[in-house]
Amino acid sequence: MPDTTVTITATVLDEDVMLSVDQLCASLGLEPDDLIAYVQEGLVEPRGTGPQTWRFPGPALKRLHTALRLRRELEIDFAGTILAVDLLEEIERLRARVHALEQLLGDTR
């Protein structure tokens, strides 16, 4: 069996990193009008008074990436996409809490 090397590159962005509309769209291959639609639907909440001044916190990149993947792969509408992203994030938070509790209790499963 031949050796295969896979390289995965990721950037973790926190709340302190702010992205412009252009930066977010370029990172995701998203059209500005589509980003505006996601904002109007409540998937992401920019800071600023309008698209020209909007800035998005780093985690918006992950939310949008997840939403785009769900829409592309499962053909979910906007409302369903937002619900699915919210539920996936809640699962992630709950798993982190369970992990923290297991560490606290010394569970080594």
Protein backbone atom coordinates (compact mmCIF):
# COMPACT_ATOMS: atom_id res chain seq x y z
CA MET A 1 0.00 0.00 0.00
CA PRO A 2 1.58 3.35 -1.02
CA ASP A 3 2.19 6.02 1.58
CA THR A 4 -0.14 8.97 1.21
CA THR A 5 0.45 12.31 2.84
CA VAL A 6 -2.49 14.58 3.46
CA THR A 7 -1.95 18.17 4.52
CA ILE A 8 -4.78 20.05 6.15
CA THR A 9 -4.47 23.78 6.63
CA ALA A 10 -6.80 25.67 8.94
CA THR A 11 -6.96 29.08 10.50
CA VAL A 12 -8.69 29.56 13.82
CA LEU A 13 -10.32 32.95 14.04
CA ASP A 14 -11.62 34.31 17.30
CA GLU A 15 -13.98 37.16 18.17
CA ASP A 16 -11.11 39.67 18.03
CA VAL A 17 -10.46 39.06 14.33
CA MET A 18 -12.73 41.21 12.19
CA LEU A 19 -13.37 40.50 8.51
CA SER A 20 -14.77 42.85 5.89
CA VAL A 21 -17.45 41.85 3.39
CA ASP A 22 -14.75 41.50 0.72
CA GLN A 23 -12.51 39.35 2.92
CA LEU A 24 -15.36 37.07 3.96
CA CYS A 25 -16.66 36.71 0.40
CA ALA A 26 -13.18 36.01 -0.97
CA SER A 27 -12.51 33.40 1.72
CA LEU A 28 -15.72 31.54 0.93
CA GLY A 29 -16.18 32.16 -2.78
CA LEU A 30 -19.42 33.93 -1.90
CA GLU A 31 -21.08 36.80 -3.74
CA PRO A 32 -21.75 39.94 -1.66
CA ASP A 33 -25.49 39.71 -2.42
CA ASP A 34 -25.54 36.19 -0.98
CA LEU A 35 -23.76 37.40 2.14
CA ILE A 36 -26.34 40.17 2.51
CA ALA A 37 -29.08 37.54 2.27
CA TYR A 38 -27.46 35.51 5.06
CA VAL A 39 -27.25 38.65 7.20
CA GLN A 40 -30.92 39.43 6.53
CA GLU A 41 -31.86 35.86 7.52
CA GLY A 42 -29.89 36.20 10.76
CA LEU A 43 -27.18 33.62 10.17
CA VAL A 44 -24.41 36.11 10.89
CA GLU A 45 -24.51 39.50 12.58
CA PRO A 46 -22.09 42.12 11.29
CA ARG A 47 -20.94 45.15 13.18
CA GLY A 48 -21.43 48.40 11.31
CA THR A 49 -24.23 50.36 9.72
CA GLY A 50 -24.31 48.84 6.24
CA PRO A 51 -22.48 46.56 3.80
CA GLN A 52 -19.80 49.18 3.14
CA THR A 53 -18.85 49.34 6.83
CA TRP A 54 -19.78 45.84 7.98
CA ARG A 55 -17.18 43.85 9.90
CA PHE A 56 -17.72 40.24 10.90
CA PRO A 57 -16.13 38.50 13.88
CA GLY A 58 -13.93 35.52 13.04
CA PRO A 59 -16.48 32.83 13.99
CA ALA A 60 -18.80 34.14 11.24
CA LEU A 61 -16.44 32.51 8.73
CA LYS A 62 -17.07 29.07 10.23
CA ARG A 63 -20.86 29.64 10.44
CA LEU A 64 -21.01 30.69 6.81
CA HIS A 65 -18.75 27.86 5.66
CA THR A 66 -21.01 25.34 7.43
CA ALA A 67 -24.13 26.96 5.98
CA LEU A 68 -22.75 26.91 2.45
CA ARG A 69 -21.79 23.26 2.79
CA LEU A 70 -25.26 22.34 4.08
CA ARG A 71 -26.98 24.25 1.30
CA ARG A 72 -24.73 22.73 -1.36
CA GLU A 73 -24.70 19.13 -0.13
CA LEU A 74 -28.20 18.81 1.33
CA GLU A 75 -30.01 21.54 -0.61
CA ILE A 76 -31.47 23.00 2.58
CA ASP A 77 -33.28 26.36 2.36
CA PHE A 78 -32.13 29.44 4.31
CA ALA A 79 -34.35 28.83 7.35
CA GLY A 80 -33.37 25.16 7.56
CA THR A 81 -29.72 26.06 7.14
CA ILE A 82 -29.81 28.52 10.03
CA LEU A 83 -31.54 25.99 12.27
CA ALA A 84 -29.05 23.27 11.31
CA VAL A 85 -26.03 25.53 11.95
CA ASP A 86 -27.45 26.57 15.33
CA LEU A 87 -28.05 22.93 16.30
CA LEU A 88 -24.58 21.86 15.16
CA GLU A 89 -23.02 24.63 17.26
CA GLU A 90 -25.11 23.61 20.27
CA ILE A 91 -23.94 20.01 19.88
CA GLU A 92 -20.34 21.28 19.75
CA ARG A 93 -20.87 23.32 22.96
CA LEU A 94 -22.48 20.35 24.73
CA ARG A 95 -19.66 18.02 23.70
CA ALA A 96 -17.14 20.52 25.07
CA ARG A 97 -19.04 20.65 28.37
CA VAL A 98 -19.20 16.85 28.59
CA HIS A 99 -15.49 16.65 27.87
CA ALA A 100 -14.73 19.24 30.56
CA LEU A 101 -16.88 17.34 33.07
CA GLU A 102 -15.20 14.07 32.18
CA GLN A 103 -11.81 15.69 32.74
CA LEU A 104 -12.99 17.08 36.06
CA LEU A 105 -14.30 13.69 37.16
CA GLY A 106 -11.27 11.81 35.88
CA ASP A 107 -13.21 9.82 33.27
CA THR A 108 -10.61 8.34 30.90
CA ARG A 109 -12.81 6.57 28.38
